[in-house]
Every structure is written in C-alpha cells, then in structure tokens.
Amino acid sequence: WFRQAPGKEREFVTAISRSGGSTYYA
C-alpha cells in the first residue's frame, strides 16, 4: 500500500510478501 496526499509525493505505507510471512511498515 502506498498513499499520496494533496500536494505531496506518493509515499510507501506498508508491504507484505507473497507468503504473508514478511511485512514492513513506514
């Protein structure tokens, strides 16, 4: 998941691996 606020660049929010076993958060 990424997000973009008005007037700002897109930013990373969170990611999950294929298996679901790995995640990462901003």
mmCIF file of all heavy atoms, coordinates in Angstrom:
data_MODEL
# 
_entry.id   MODEL 
# 
loop_
_atom_site.group_PDB 
_atom_site.id 
_atom_site.type_symbol 
_atom_site.label_atom_id 
_atom_site.label_alt_id 
_atom_site.label_comp_id 
_atom_site.label_asym_id 
_atom_site.label_entity_id 
_atom_site.label_seq_id 
_atom_site.pdbx_PDB_ins_code 
_atom_site.Cartn_x 
_atom_site.Cartn_y 
_atom_site.Cartn_z 
_atom_site.occupancy 
_atom_site.B_iso_or_equiv 
_atom_site.pdbx_formal_charge 
_atom_site.auth_seq_id 
_atom_site.auth_comp_id 
_atom_site.auth_asym_id 
_atom_site.auth_atom_id 
_atom_site.pdbx_PDB_model_num 
ATOM 1   N N   . TRP A 1 1  ? 0.854  -1.179  0.000  1.00 0.00 ? 1  TRP A N   1 
ATOM 2   C CA  . TRP A 1 1  ? 0.000  0.000   0.000  1.00 0.00 ? 1  TRP A CA  1 
ATOM 3   C C   . TRP A 1 1  ? 0.898  1.239   0.000  1.00 0.00 ? 1  TRP A C   1 
ATOM 4   O O   . TRP A 1 1  ? 1.859  1.314   0.765  1.00 0.00 ? 1  TRP A O   1 
ATOM 5   C CB  . TRP A 1 1  ? -0.902 0.033   1.225  1.00 0.00 ? 1  TRP A CB  1 
ATOM 6   C CG  . TRP A 1 1  ? -1.985 -0.997  1.227  1.00 0.00 ? 1  TRP A CG  1 
ATOM 7   C CD1 . TRP A 1 1  ? -1.949 -2.238  1.787  1.00 0.00 ? 1  TRP A CD1 1 
ATOM 8   C CD2 . TRP A 1 1  ? -3.291 -0.858  0.645  1.00 0.00 ? 1  TRP A CD2 1 
ATOM 9   N NE1 . TRP A 1 1  ? -3.140 -2.890  1.594  1.00 0.00 ? 1  TRP A NE1 1 
ATOM 10  C CE2 . TRP A 1 1  ? -3.992 -2.068  0.891  1.00 0.00 ? 1  TRP A CE2 1 
ATOM 11  C CE3 . TRP A 1 1  ? -3.951 0.154   -0.053 1.00 0.00 ? 1  TRP A CE3 1 
ATOM 12  C CZ2 . TRP A 1 1  ? -5.299 -2.273  0.467  1.00 0.00 ? 1  TRP A CZ2 1 
ATOM 13  C CZ3 . TRP A 1 1  ? -5.244 -0.056  -0.475 1.00 0.00 ? 1  TRP A CZ3 1 
ATOM 14  C CH2 . TRP A 1 1  ? -5.905 -1.269  -0.216 1.00 0.00 ? 1  TRP A CH2 1 
ATOM 15  N N   . PHE A 1 2  ? 0.514  2.171   -0.856 1.00 0.00 ? 2  PHE A N   1 
ATOM 16  C CA  . PHE A 1 2  ? 1.139  3.480   -0.893 1.00 0.00 ? 2  PHE A CA  1 
ATOM 17  C C   . PHE A 1 2  ? 0.043  4.521   -0.718 1.00 0.00 ? 2  PHE A C   1 
ATOM 18  O O   . PHE A 1 2  ? -1.138 4.209   -0.830 1.00 0.00 ? 2  PHE A O   1 
ATOM 19  C CB  . PHE A 1 2  ? 1.842  3.712   -2.239 1.00 0.00 ? 2  PHE A CB  1 
ATOM 20  C CG  . PHE A 1 2  ? 3.079  2.874   -2.439 1.00 0.00 ? 2  PHE A CG  1 
ATOM 21  C CD1 . PHE A 1 2  ? 2.973  1.537   -2.800 1.00 0.00 ? 2  PHE A CD1 1 
ATOM 22  C CD2 . PHE A 1 2  ? 4.335  3.415   -2.262 1.00 0.00 ? 2  PHE A CD2 1 
ATOM 23  C CE1 . PHE A 1 2  ? 4.113  0.753   -2.981 1.00 0.00 ? 2  PHE A CE1 1 
ATOM 24  C CE2 . PHE A 1 2  ? 5.483  2.649   -2.450 1.00 0.00 ? 2  PHE A CE2 1 
ATOM 25  C CZ  . PHE A 1 2  ? 5.364  1.304   -2.809 1.00 0.00 ? 2  PHE A CZ  1 
ATOM 26  N N   . ARG A 1 3  ? 0.432  5.736   -0.437 1.00 0.00 ? 3  ARG A N   1 
ATOM 27  C CA  . ARG A 1 3  ? -0.558 6.802   -0.336 1.00 0.00 ? 3  ARG A CA  1 
ATOM 28  C C   . ARG A 1 3  ? 0.025  8.098   -0.875 1.00 0.00 ? 3  ARG A C   1 
ATOM 29  O O   . ARG A 1 3  ? 1.236  8.290   -0.903 1.00 0.00 ? 3  ARG A O   1 
ATOM 30  C CB  . ARG A 1 3  ? -1.028 6.980   1.102  1.00 0.00 ? 3  ARG A CB  1 
ATOM 31  C CG  . ARG A 1 3  ? 0.029  7.504   2.063  1.00 0.00 ? 3  ARG A CG  1 
ATOM 32  C CD  . ARG A 1 3  ? -0.506 7.497   3.491  1.00 0.00 ? 3  ARG A CD  1 
ATOM 33  N NE  . ARG A 1 3  ? 0.474  8.024   4.444  1.00 0.00 ? 3  ARG A NE  1 
ATOM 34  C CZ  . ARG A 1 3  ? 0.302  8.022   5.769  1.00 0.00 ? 3  ARG A CZ  1 
ATOM 35  N NH1 . ARG A 1 3  ? -0.816 7.515   6.297  1.00 0.00 ? 3  ARG A NH1 1 
ATOM 36  N NH2 . ARG A 1 3  ? 1.243  8.507   6.550  1.00 0.00 ? 3  ARG A NH2 1 
ATOM 37  N N   . GLN A 1 4  ? -0.895 8.970   -1.292 1.00 0.00 ? 4  GLN A N   1 
ATOM 38  C CA  . GLN A 1 4  ? -0.492 10.274  -1.794 1.00 0.00 ? 4  GLN A CA  1 
ATOM 39  C C   . GLN A 1 4  ? -1.461 11.326  -1.295 1.00 0.00 ? 4  GLN A C   1 
ATOM 40  O O   . GLN A 1 4  ? -2.660 11.266  -1.604 1.00 0.00 ? 4  GLN A O   1 
ATOM 41  C CB  . GLN A 1 4  ? -0.429 10.293  -3.316 1.00 0.00 ? 4  GLN A CB  1 
ATOM 42  C CG  . GLN A 1 4  ? 0.154  11.572  -3.888 1.00 0.00 ? 4  GLN A CG  1 
ATOM 43  C CD  . GLN A 1 4  ? 0.509  11.451  -5.355 1.00 0.00 ? 4  GLN A CD  1 
ATOM 44  O OE1 . GLN A 1 4  ? 0.036  10.571  -6.061 1.00 0.00 ? 4  GLN A OE1 1 
ATOM 45  N NE2 . GLN A 1 4  ? 1.371  12.343  -5.828 1.00 0.00 ? 4  GLN A NE2 1 
ATOM 46  N N   . ALA A 1 5  ? -0.939 12.259  -0.536 1.00 0.00 ? 5  ALA A N   1 
ATOM 47  C CA  . ALA A 1 5  ? -1.723 13.371  -0.033 1.00 0.00 ? 5  ALA A CA  1 
ATOM 48  C C   . ALA A 1 5  ? -1.656 14.525  -1.028 1.00 0.00 ? 5  ALA A C   1 
ATOM 49  O O   . ALA A 1 5  ? -0.700 14.610  -1.813 1.00 0.00 ? 5  ALA A O   1 
ATOM 50  C CB  . ALA A 1 5  ? -1.189 13.802  1.324  1.00 0.00 ? 5  ALA A CB  1 
ATOM 51  N N   . PRO A 1 6  ? -2.626 15.425  -1.006 1.00 0.00 ? 6  PRO A N   1 
ATOM 52  C CA  . PRO A 1 6  ? -2.617 16.559  -1.933 1.00 0.00 ? 6  PRO A CA  1 
ATOM 53  C C   . PRO A 1 6  ? -1.335 17.371  -1.828 1.00 0.00 ? 6  PRO A C   1 
ATOM 54  O O   . PRO A 1 6  ? -0.903 17.738  -0.731 1.00 0.00 ? 6  PRO A O   1 
ATOM 55  C CB  . PRO A 1 6  ? -3.826 17.386  -1.480 1.00 0.00 ? 6  PRO A CB  1 
ATOM 56  C CG  . PRO A 1 6  ? -4.718 16.409  -0.824 1.00 0.00 ? 6  PRO A CG  1 
ATOM 57  C CD  . PRO A 1 6  ? -3.820 15.412  -0.153 1.00 0.00 ? 6  PRO A CD  1 
ATOM 58  N N   . GLY A 1 7  ? -0.708 17.623  -2.968 1.00 0.00 ? 7  GLY A N   1 
ATOM 59  C CA  . GLY A 1 7  ? 0.495  18.422  -2.993 1.00 0.00 ? 7  GLY A CA  1 
ATOM 60  C C   . GLY A 1 7  ? 1.751  17.714  -2.529 1.00 0.00 ? 7  GLY A C   1 
ATOM 61  O O   . GLY A 1 7  ? 2.810  18.334  -2.421 1.00 0.00 ? 7  GLY A O   1 
ATOM 62  N N   . LYS A 1 8  ? 1.623  16.425  -2.253 1.00 0.00 ? 8  LYS A N   1 
ATOM 63  C CA  . LYS A 1 8  ? 2.786  15.677  -1.769 1.00 0.00 ? 8  LYS A CA  1 
ATOM 64  C C   . LYS A 1 8  ? 3.097  14.514  -2.703 1.00 0.00 ? 8  LYS A C   1 
ATOM 65  O O   . LYS A 1 8  ? 2.261  14.086  -3.489 1.00 0.00 ? 8  LYS A O   1 
ATOM 66  C CB  . LYS A 1 8  ? 2.541  15.150  -0.353 1.00 0.00 ? 8  LYS A CB  1 
ATOM 67  C CG  . LYS A 1 8  ? 2.398  16.250  0.687  1.00 0.00 ? 8  LYS A CG  1 
ATOM 68  C CD  . LYS A 1 8  ? 2.317  15.662  2.087  1.00 0.00 ? 8  LYS A CD  1 
ATOM 69  C CE  . LYS A 1 8  ? 2.267  16.750  3.139  1.00 0.00 ? 8  LYS A CE  1 
ATOM 70  N NZ  . LYS A 1 8  ? 2.214  16.181  4.515  1.00 0.00 ? 8  LYS A NZ  1 
ATOM 71  N N   . GLU A 1 9  ? 4.288  13.994  -2.577 1.00 0.00 ? 9  GLU A N   1 
ATOM 72  C CA  . GLU A 1 9  ? 4.666  12.837  -3.370 1.00 0.00 ? 9  GLU A CA  1 
ATOM 73  C C   . GLU A 1 9  ? 4.058  11.570  -2.769 1.00 0.00 ? 9  GLU A C   1 
ATOM 74  O O   . GLU A 1 9  ? 3.749  11.508  -1.588 1.00 0.00 ? 9  GLU A O   1 
ATOM 75  C CB  . GLU A 1 9  ? 6.197  12.716  -3.419 1.00 0.00 ? 9  GLU A CB  1 
ATOM 76  C CG  . GLU A 1 9  ? 6.883  13.840  -4.166 1.00 0.00 ? 9  GLU A CG  1 
ATOM 77  C CD  . GLU A 1 9  ? 8.372  13.591  -4.323 1.00 0.00 ? 9  GLU A CD  1 
ATOM 78  O OE1 . GLU A 1 9  ? 8.881  12.622  -3.736 1.00 0.00 ? 9  GLU A OE1 1 
ATOM 79  O OE2 . GLU A 1 9  ? 9.013  14.382  -5.041 1.00 0.00 ? 9  GLU A OE2 1 
ATOM 80  N N   . ARG A 1 10 ? 3.944  10.592  -3.638 1.00 0.00 ? 10 ARG A N   1 
ATOM 81  C CA  . ARG A 1 10 ? 3.472  9.290   -3.170 1.00 0.00 ? 10 ARG A CA  1 
ATOM 82  C C   . ARG A 1 10 ? 4.470  8.721   -2.164 1.00 0.00 ? 10 ARG A C   1 
ATOM 83  O O   . ARG A 1 10 ? 5.684  8.827   -2.353 1.00 0.00 ? 10 ARG A O   1 
ATOM 84  C CB  . ARG A 1 10 ? 3.338  8.350   -4.368 1.00 0.00 ? 10 ARG A CB  1 
ATOM 85  C CG  . ARG A 1 10 ? 2.816  6.964   -4.036 1.00 0.00 ? 10 ARG A CG  1 
ATOM 86  C CD  . ARG A 1 10 ? 2.761  6.123   -5.290 1.00 0.00 ? 10 ARG A CD  1 
ATOM 87  N NE  . ARG A 1 10 ? 4.081  5.932   -5.859 1.00 0.00 ? 10 ARG A NE  1 
ATOM 88  C CZ  . ARG A 1 10 ? 4.306  5.509   -7.099 1.00 0.00 ? 10 ARG A CZ  1 
ATOM 89  N NH1 . ARG A 1 10 ? 3.291  5.256   -7.900 1.00 0.00 ? 10 ARG A NH1 1 
ATOM 90  N NH2 . ARG A 1 10 ? 5.543  5.329   -7.530 1.00 0.00 ? 10 ARG A NH2 1 
ATOM 91  N N   . GLU A 1 11 ? 3.944  8.096   -1.116 1.00 0.00 ? 11 GLU A N   1 
ATOM 92  C CA  . GLU A 1 11 ? 4.829  7.527   -0.106 1.00 0.00 ? 11 GLU A CA  1 
ATOM 93  C C   . GLU A 1 11 ? 4.427  6.091   0.224  1.00 0.00 ? 11 GLU A C   1 
ATOM 94  O O   . GLU A 1 11 ? 3.262  5.708   0.161  1.00 0.00 ? 11 GLU A O   1 
ATOM 95  C CB  . GLU A 1 11 ? 4.831  8.372   1.172  1.00 0.00 ? 11 GLU A CB  1 
ATOM 96  C CG  . GLU A 1 11 ? 3.521  8.417   1.905  1.00 0.00 ? 11 GLU A CG  1 
ATOM 97  C CD  . GLU A 1 11 ? 3.629  9.115   3.255  1.00 0.00 ? 11 GLU A CD  1 
ATOM 98  O OE1 . GLU A 1 11 ? 4.754  9.468   3.674  1.00 0.00 ? 11 GLU A OE1 1 
ATOM 99  O OE2 . GLU A 1 11 ? 2.580  9.305   3.909  1.00 0.00 ? 11 GLU A OE2 1 
ATOM 100 N N   . PHE A 1 12 ? 5.428  5.337   0.585  1.00 0.00 ? 12 PHE A N   1 
ATOM 101 C CA  . PHE A 1 12 ? 5.231  3.953   0.987  1.00 0.00 ? 12 PHE A CA  1 
ATOM 102 C C   . PHE A 1 12 ? 4.521  3.901   2.330  1.00 0.00 ? 12 PHE A C   1 
ATOM 103 O O   . PHE A 1 12 ? 4.837  4.679   3.240  1.00 0.00 ? 12 PHE A O   1 
ATOM 104 C CB  . PHE A 1 12 ? 6.592  3.263   1.084  1.00 0.00 ? 12 PHE A CB  1 
ATOM 105 C CG  . PHE A 1 12 ? 6.563  1.917   1.731  1.00 0.00 ? 12 PHE A CG  1 
ATOM 106 C CD1 . PHE A 1 12 ? 6.206  0.800   1.002  1.00 0.00 ? 12 PHE A CD1 1 
ATOM 107 C CD2 . PHE A 1 12 ? 6.892  1.762   3.069  1.00 0.00 ? 12 PHE A CD2 1 
ATOM 108 C CE1 . PHE A 1 12 ? 6.181  -0.453  1.585  1.00 0.00 ? 12 PHE A CE1 1 
ATOM 109 C CE2 . PHE A 1 12 ? 6.868  0.525   3.670  1.00 0.00 ? 12 PHE A CE2 1 
ATOM 110 C CZ  . PHE A 1 12 ? 6.517  -0.590  2.924  1.00 0.00 ? 12 PHE A CZ  1 
ATOM 111 N N   . VAL A 1 13 ? 3.585  2.964   2.468  1.00 0.00 ? 13 VAL A N   1 
ATOM 112 C CA  . VAL A 1 13 ? 2.877  2.765   3.727  1.00 0.00 ? 13 VAL A CA  1 
ATOM 113 C C   . VAL A 1 13 ? 3.258  1.426   4.346  1.00 0.00 ? 13 VAL A C   1 
ATOM 114 O O   . VAL A 1 13 ? 3.730  1.366   5.476  1.00 0.00 ? 13 VAL A O   1 
ATOM 115 C CB  . VAL A 1 13 ? 1.356  2.833   3.526  1.00 0.00 ? 13 VAL A CB  1 
ATOM 116 C CG1 . VAL A 1 13 ? 0.631  2.542   4.851  1.00 0.00 ? 13 VAL A CG1 1 
ATOM 117 C CG2 . VAL A 1 13 ? 0.949  4.198   2.974  1.00 0.00 ? 13 VAL A CG2 1 
ATOM 118 N N   . THR A 1 14 ? 3.045  0.357   3.597  1.00 0.00 ? 14 THR A N   1 
ATOM 119 C CA  . THR A 1 14 ? 3.322  -0.972  4.115  1.00 0.00 ? 14 THR A CA  1 
ATOM 120 C C   . THR A 1 14 ? 3.392  -1.969  2.973  1.00 0.00 ? 14 THR A C   1 
ATOM 121 O O   . THR A 1 14 ? 2.857  -1.722  1.892  1.00 0.00 ? 14 THR A O   1 
ATOM 122 C CB  . THR A 1 14 ? 2.233  -1.394  5.124  1.00 0.00 ? 14 THR A CB  1 
ATOM 123 O OG1 . THR A 1 14 ? 2.514  -2.703  5.638  1.00 0.00 ? 14 THR A OG1 1 
ATOM 124 C CG2 . THR A 1 14 ? 0.858  -1.414  4.478  1.00 0.00 ? 14 THR A CG2 1 
ATOM 125 N N   . ALA A 1 15 ? 4.049  -3.103  3.215  1.00 0.00 ? 15 ALA A N   1 
ATOM 126 C CA  . ALA A 1 15 ? 4.168  -4.148  2.201  1.00 0.00 ? 15 ALA A CA  1 
ATOM 127 C C   . ALA A 1 15 ? 4.109  -5.518  2.856  1.00 0.00 ? 15 ALA A C   1 
ATOM 128 O O   . ALA A 1 15 ? 4.419  -5.667  4.044  1.00 0.00 ? 15 ALA A O   1 
ATOM 129 C CB  . ALA A 1 15 ? 5.483  -3.998  1.429  1.00 0.00 ? 15 ALA A CB  1 
ATOM 130 N N   . ILE A 1 16 ? 3.733  -6.492  2.051  1.00 0.00 ? 16 ILE A N   1 
ATOM 131 C CA  . ILE A 1 16 ? 3.642  -7.863  2.528  1.00 0.00 ? 16 ILE A CA  1 
ATOM 132 C C   . ILE A 1 16 ? 4.181  -8.799  1.458  1.00 0.00 ? 16 ILE A C   1 
ATOM 133 O O   . ILE A 1 16 ? 3.984  -8.569  0.261  1.00 0.00 ? 16 ILE A O   1 
ATOM 134 C CB  . ILE A 1 16 ? 2.181  -8.212  2.910  1.00 0.00 ? 16 ILE A CB  1 
ATOM 135 C CG1 . ILE A 1 16 ? 2.089  -9.550  3.631  1.00 0.00 ? 16 ILE A CG1 1 
ATOM 136 C CG2 . ILE A 1 16 ? 1.261  -8.168  1.691  1.00 0.00 ? 16 ILE A CG2 1 
ATOM 137 C CD1 . ILE A 1 16 ? 0.738  -9.774  4.304  1.00 0.00 ? 16 ILE A CD1 1 
ATOM 138 N N   . SER A 1 17 ? 4.865  -9.831  1.881  1.00 0.00 ? 17 SER A N   1 
ATOM 139 C CA  . SER A 1 17 ? 5.463  -10.763 0.937  1.00 0.00 ? 17 SER A CA  1 
ATOM 140 C C   . SER A 1 17 ? 4.414  -11.685 0.322  1.00 0.00 ? 17 SER A C   1 
ATOM 141 O O   . SER A 1 17 ? 3.254  -11.716 0.757  1.00 0.00 ? 17 SER A O   1 
ATOM 142 C CB  . SER A 1 17 ? 6.525  -11.595 1.655  1.00 0.00 ? 17 SER A CB  1 
ATOM 143 O OG  . SER A 1 17 ? 5.916  -12.351 2.698  1.00 0.00 ? 17 SER A OG  1 
ATOM 144 N N   . ARG A 1 18 ? 4.845  -12.448 -0.639 1.00 0.00 ? 18 ARG A N   1 
ATOM 145 C CA  . ARG A 1 18 ? 3.948  -13.406 -1.301 1.00 0.00 ? 18 ARG A CA  1 
ATOM 146 C C   . ARG A 1 18 ? 3.259  -14.328 -0.302 1.00 0.00 ? 18 ARG A C   1 
ATOM 147 O O   . ARG A 1 18 ? 2.074  -14.597 -0.390 1.00 0.00 ? 18 ARG A O   1 
ATOM 148 C CB  . ARG A 1 18 ? 4.750  -14.264 -2.270 1.00 0.00 ? 18 ARG A CB  1 
ATOM 149 C CG  . ARG A 1 18 ? 5.073  -13.677 -3.595 1.00 0.00 ? 18 ARG A CG  1 
ATOM 150 C CD  . ARG A 1 18 ? 5.863  -14.668 -4.421 1.00 0.00 ? 18 ARG A CD  1 
ATOM 151 N NE  . ARG A 1 18 ? 5.241  -15.999 -4.443 1.00 0.00 ? 18 ARG A NE  1 
ATOM 152 C CZ  . ARG A 1 18 ? 5.785  -17.058 -5.002 1.00 0.00 ? 18 ARG A CZ  1 
ATOM 153 N NH1 . ARG A 1 18 ? 6.981  -16.959 -5.591 1.00 0.00 ? 18 ARG A NH1 1 
ATOM 154 N NH2 . ARG A 1 18 ? 5.185  -18.222 -5.003 1.00 0.00 ? 18 ARG A NH2 1 
ATOM 155 N N   . SER A 1 19 ? 4.042  -14.831 0.606  1.00 0.00 ? 19 SER A N   1 
ATOM 156 C CA  . SER A 1 19 ? 3.526  -15.809 1.562  1.00 0.00 ? 19 SER A CA  1 
ATOM 157 C C   . SER A 1 19 ? 2.740  -15.162 2.694  1.00 0.00 ? 19 SER A C   1 
ATOM 158 O O   . SER A 1 19 ? 2.008  -15.845 3.413  1.00 0.00 ? 19 SER A O   1 
ATOM 159 C CB  . SER A 1 19 ? 4.684  -16.594 2.153  1.00 0.00 ? 19 SER A CB  1 
ATOM 160 O OG  . SER A 1 19 ? 5.506  -15.738 2.938  1.00 0.00 ? 19 SER A OG  1 
ATOM 161 N N   . GLY A 1 20 ? 2.928  -13.865 2.864  1.00 0.00 ? 20 GLY A N   1 
ATOM 162 C CA  . GLY A 1 20 ? 2.325  -13.185 4.006  1.00 0.00 ? 20 GLY A CA  1 
ATOM 163 C C   . GLY A 1 20 ? 3.190  -13.262 5.250  1.00 0.00 ? 20 GLY A C   1 
ATOM 164 O O   . GLY A 1 20 ? 2.843  -12.691 6.280  1.00 0.00 ? 20 GLY A O   1 
ATOM 165 N N   . GLY A 1 21 ? 4.306  -13.958 5.152  1.00 0.00 ? 21 GLY A N   1 
ATOM 166 C CA  . GLY A 1 21 ? 5.158  -14.149 6.311  1.00 0.00 ? 21 GLY A CA  1 
ATOM 167 C C   . GLY A 1 21 ? 6.025  -12.969 6.662  1.00 0.00 ? 21 GLY A C   1 
ATOM 168 O O   . GLY A 1 21 ? 6.543  -12.876 7.781  1.00 0.00 ? 21 GLY A O   1 
ATOM 169 N N   . SER A 1 22 ? 6.202  -12.064 5.718  1.00 0.00 ? 22 SER A N   1 
ATOM 170 C CA  . SER A 1 22 ? 7.020  -10.873 5.963  1.00 0.00 ? 22 SER A CA  1 
ATOM 171 C C   . SER A 1 22 ? 6.200  -9.629  5.697  1.00 0.00 ? 22 SER A C   1 
ATOM 172 O O   . SER A 1 22 ? 5.479  -9.563  4.704  1.00 0.00 ? 22 SER A O   1 
ATOM 173 C CB  . SER A 1 22 ? 8.245  -10.865 5.047  1.00 0.00 ? 22 SER A CB  1 
ATOM 174 O OG  . SER A 1 22 ? 9.066  -11.980 5.254  1.00 0.00 ? 22 SER A OG  1 
ATOM 175 N N   . THR A 1 23 ? 6.325  -8.681  6.601  1.00 0.00 ? 23 THR A N   1 
ATOM 176 C CA  . THR A 1 23 ? 5.662  -7.389  6.433  1.00 0.00 ? 23 THR A CA  1 
ATOM 177 C C   . THR A 1 23 ? 6.629  -6.274  6.803  1.00 0.00 ? 23 THR A C   1 
ATOM 178 O O   . THR A 1 23 ? 7.615  -6.508  7.519  1.00 0.00 ? 23 THR A O   1 
ATOM 179 C CB  . THR A 1 23 ? 4.402  -7.269  7.299  1.00 0.00 ? 23 THR A CB  1 
ATOM 180 O OG1 . THR A 1 23 ? 4.762  -7.451  8.682  1.00 0.00 ? 23 THR A OG1 1 
ATOM 181 C CG2 . THR A 1 23 ? 3.360  -8.301  6.912  1.00 0.00 ? 23 THR A CG2 1 
ATOM 182 N N   . TYR A 1 24 ? 6.328  -5.087  6.318  1.00 0.00 ? 24 TYR A N   1 
ATOM 183 C CA  . TYR A 1 24 ? 7.156  -3.931  6.656  1.00 0.00 ? 24 TYR A CA  1 
ATOM 184 C C   . TYR A 1 24 ? 6.261  -2.702  6.676  1.00 0.00 ? 24 TYR A C   1 
ATOM 185 O O   . TYR A 1 24 ? 5.337  -2.587  5.864  1.00 0.00 ? 24 TYR A O   1 
ATOM 186 C CB  . TYR A 1 24 ? 8.263  -3.743  5.618  1.00 0.00 ? 24 TYR A CB  1 
ATOM 187 C CG  . TYR A 1 24 ? 9.330  -2.767  6.056  1.00 0.00 ? 24 TYR A CG  1 
ATOM 188 C CD1 . TYR A 1 24 ? 10.406 -3.186  6.817  1.00 0.00 ? 24 TYR A CD1 1 
ATOM 189 C CD2 . TYR A 1 24 ? 9.246  -1.418  5.711  1.00 0.00 ? 24 TYR A CD2 1 
ATOM 190 C CE1 . TYR A 1 24 ? 11.378 -2.296  7.229  1.00 0.00 ? 24 TYR A CE1 1 
ATOM 191 C CE2 . TYR A 1 24 ? 10.214 -0.519  6.121  1.00 0.00 ? 24 TYR A CE2 1 
ATOM 192 C CZ  . TYR A 1 24 ? 11.270 -0.964  6.875  1.00 0.00 ? 24 TYR A CZ  1 
ATOM 193 O OH  . TYR A 1 24 ? 12.225 -0.082  7.295  1.00 0.00 ? 24 TYR A OH  1 
ATOM 194 N N   . TYR A 1 25 ? 6.536  -1.806  7.610  1.00 0.00 ? 25 TYR A N   1 
ATOM 195 C CA  . TYR A 1 25 ? 5.702  -0.621  7.783  1.00 0.00 ? 25 TYR A CA  1 
ATOM 196 C C   . TYR A 1 25 ? 6.543  0.646   7.798  1.00 0.00 ? 25 TYR A C   1 
ATOM 197 O O   . TYR A 1 25 ? 7.657  0.656   8.356  1.00 0.00 ? 25 TYR A O   1 
ATOM 198 C CB  . TYR A 1 25 ? 4.918  -0.705  9.090  1.00 0.00 ? 25 TYR A CB  1 
ATOM 199 C CG  . TYR A 1 25 ? 3.940  -1.846  9.148  1.00 0.00 ? 25 TYR A CG  1 
ATOM 200 C CD1 . TYR A 1 25 ? 4.319  -3.088  9.641  1.00 0.00 ? 25 TYR A CD1 1 
ATOM 201 C CD2 . TYR A 1 25 ? 2.624  -1.685  8.703  1.00 0.00 ? 25 TYR A CD2 1 
ATOM 202 C CE1 . TYR A 1 25 ? 3.426  -4.147  9.676  1.00 0.00 ? 25 TYR A CE1 1 
ATOM 203 C CE2 . TYR A 1 25 ? 1.720  -2.737  8.740  1.00 0.00 ? 25 TYR A CE2 1 
ATOM 204 C CZ  . TYR A 1 25 ? 2.135  -3.963  9.231  1.00 0.00 ? 25 TYR A CZ  1 
ATOM 205 O OH  . TYR A 1 25 ? 1.245  -5.015  9.273  1.00 0.00 ? 25 TYR A OH  1 
ATOM 206 N N   . ALA A 1 26 ? 5.994  1.688   7.241  1.00 0.00 ? 26 ALA A N   1 
ATOM 207 C CA  . ALA A 1 26 ? 6.595  3.002   7.412  1.00 0.00 ? 26 ALA A CA  1 
ATOM 208 C C   . ALA A 1 26 ? 6.506  3.387   8.885  1.00 0.00 ? 26 ALA A C   1 
ATOM 209 O O   . ALA A 1 26 ? 5.542  3.019   9.572  1.00 0.00 ? 26 ALA A O   1 
ATOM 210 C CB  . ALA A 1 26 ? 5.874  4.033   6.547  1.00 0.00 ? 26 ALA A CB  1 
# 
